[in-house]
Amino acid sequence: MKKLSESFVTAAEARSSLDKRDVEKLTYEQKICLDFLKKHFNIPAEKSRELMNELQNIGRINDKHASIIANLMPKTKEDVKLIFSKERTTLSDEEINKVLETVTKYEN
C-alpha cells in the first residue's frame, strides 16, 4: 500500500470525525476508539485545532509535536520536556513557558 499523504490531527478532531458517522456503520475498533475519546477528550475539535496552530507559532514545534501537546495538555515543565525527550528538538525554558501558557488558555 502506498502512502499518499500524512497529516496530524488531535484526539478531539478524531472524535469529531467519528461522531459524524453513523454508529451502526462503525467497526468494532472504531466504536471502542470513539468510546475512549468521548471519555477522555472534552475539548471541541475547533479549539484543539486553534491550540495546535498557536503552538506551531511558538518556535520549533511542528505538526507532530503540536498534536501531541494538544492531546496530552501538559501541566508542568517536566511534562513538556518528556514530550521532546527522544527528539532532536529541545525547547528553551522560554519556549516551554509559552507552551504551558498556551495550554492553560485552552483548558476546560
Protein backbone atom coordinates (compact mmCIF):
# COMPACT_ATOMS: atom_id res chain seq x y z
CA MET A 1 0.00 0.00 0.00
CA LYS A 2 1.33 3.42 -0.96
CA LYS A 3 1.03 6.34 1.45
CA LEU A 4 -0.28 9.38 -0.39
CA SER A 5 -0.12 11.92 2.38
CA GLU A 6 0.20 12.31 6.10
CA SER A 7 -1.32 14.82 8.48
CA PHE A 8 -1.55 15.02 12.24
CA VAL A 9 -4.87 15.53 13.97
CA THR A 10 -5.77 15.89 17.60
CA ALA A 11 -7.82 13.36 19.51
CA ALA A 12 -10.66 15.89 19.63
CA GLU A 13 -10.66 16.10 15.84
CA ALA A 14 -10.66 12.30 15.58
CA ARG A 15 -13.61 12.21 17.97
CA SER A 16 -15.46 14.79 15.91
CA SER A 17 -14.84 12.79 12.75
CA LEU A 18 -16.16 9.58 14.32
CA ASP A 19 -19.13 11.40 15.87
CA LYS A 20 -20.28 12.48 12.40
CA ARG A 21 -20.53 8.89 11.20
CA ASP A 22 -23.44 6.53 11.73
CA VAL A 23 -22.64 4.49 14.85
CA GLU A 24 -24.16 1.37 13.31
CA LYS A 25 -21.68 1.51 10.43
CA LEU A 26 -18.60 1.84 12.63
CA THR A 27 -16.34 -1.16 13.03
CA TYR A 28 -15.78 -2.70 16.45
CA GLU A 29 -12.41 -0.97 16.79
CA GLN A 30 -13.87 2.39 15.78
CA LYS A 31 -16.62 2.04 18.39
CA ILE A 32 -14.05 1.31 21.10
CA CYS A 33 -11.97 4.27 19.94
CA LEU A 34 -15.00 6.59 19.93
CA ASP A 35 -15.95 5.46 23.44
CA PHE A 36 -12.42 6.15 24.69
CA LEU A 37 -12.30 9.56 23.01
CA LYS A 38 -15.66 10.57 24.50
CA LYS A 39 -14.47 9.67 27.99
CA HIS A 40 -11.08 11.40 27.85
CA PHE A 41 -11.20 14.32 25.42
CA ASN A 42 -13.78 17.02 26.04
CA ILE A 43 -12.20 19.94 24.20
CA PRO A 44 -14.04 20.84 20.97
CA ALA A 45 -12.25 19.99 17.71
CA GLU A 46 -12.13 23.65 16.64
CA LYS A 47 -10.43 24.68 19.88
CA SER A 48 -7.90 21.85 19.63
CA ARG A 49 -7.02 22.96 16.08
CA GLU A 50 -6.64 26.56 17.31
CA LEU A 51 -4.36 25.29 20.07
CA MET A 52 -2.25 23.37 17.54
CA ASN A 53 -1.92 26.45 15.32
CA GLU A 54 -0.95 28.63 18.26
CA LEU A 55 1.63 26.09 19.43
CA GLN A 56 3.21 25.99 15.98
CA ASN A 57 3.75 29.75 16.16
CA ILE A 58 5.86 29.41 19.32
CA GLY A 59 9.03 28.23 17.65
CA ARG A 60 10.42 24.87 16.71
CA ILE A 61 7.15 23.00 17.25
CA ASN A 62 5.93 21.10 14.19
CA ASP A 63 2.54 19.43 13.46
CA LYS A 64 3.51 16.23 15.21
CA HIS A 65 4.62 17.91 18.42
CA ALA A 66 1.67 20.31 18.42
CA SER A 67 -0.82 17.44 18.14
CA ILE A 68 0.90 15.53 20.96
CA ILE A 69 0.85 18.60 23.19
CA ALA A 70 -2.82 19.26 22.34
CA ASN A 71 -3.69 15.67 23.24
CA LEU A 72 -1.70 15.49 26.47
CA MET A 73 -2.25 19.06 27.69
CA PRO A 74 0.94 19.13 29.82
CA LYS A 75 0.80 20.99 33.10
CA THR A 76 4.47 21.17 34.13
CA LYS A 77 7.82 21.90 32.52
CA GLU A 78 8.83 18.29 33.07
CA ASP A 79 5.79 17.10 31.10
CA VAL A 80 6.78 19.26 28.13
CA LYS A 81 10.39 18.10 28.35
CA LEU A 82 9.22 14.47 28.30
CA ILE A 83 7.38 15.05 25.03
CA PHE A 84 10.64 16.18 23.45
CA SER A 85 12.94 13.75 25.29
CA LYS A 86 13.51 11.44 22.31
CA GLU A 87 13.56 14.16 19.70
CA ARG A 88 16.44 16.16 18.32
CA THR A 89 14.48 19.30 19.04
CA THR A 90 14.85 20.77 22.50
CA LEU A 91 12.93 23.78 23.68
CA SER A 92 14.33 26.63 25.71
CA ASP A 93 12.81 27.48 29.09
CA GLU A 94 11.12 30.48 27.49
CA GLU A 95 9.51 28.29 24.81
CA ILE A 96 8.39 25.76 27.42
CA ASN A 97 6.77 28.54 29.43
CA LYS A 98 4.97 29.76 26.30
CA VAL A 99 3.71 26.21 25.65
CA LEU A 100 2.38 25.96 29.20
CA GLU A 101 0.70 29.40 28.98
CA THR A 102 -0.93 28.46 25.69
CA VAL A 103 -2.19 25.11 27.01
CA THR A 104 -3.58 26.80 30.12
CA LYS A 105 -5.68 29.13 27.93
CA TYR A 106 -7.40 26.14 26.31
CA GLU A 107 -8.06 24.01 29.38
CA ASN A 108 -11.69 23.47 30.33
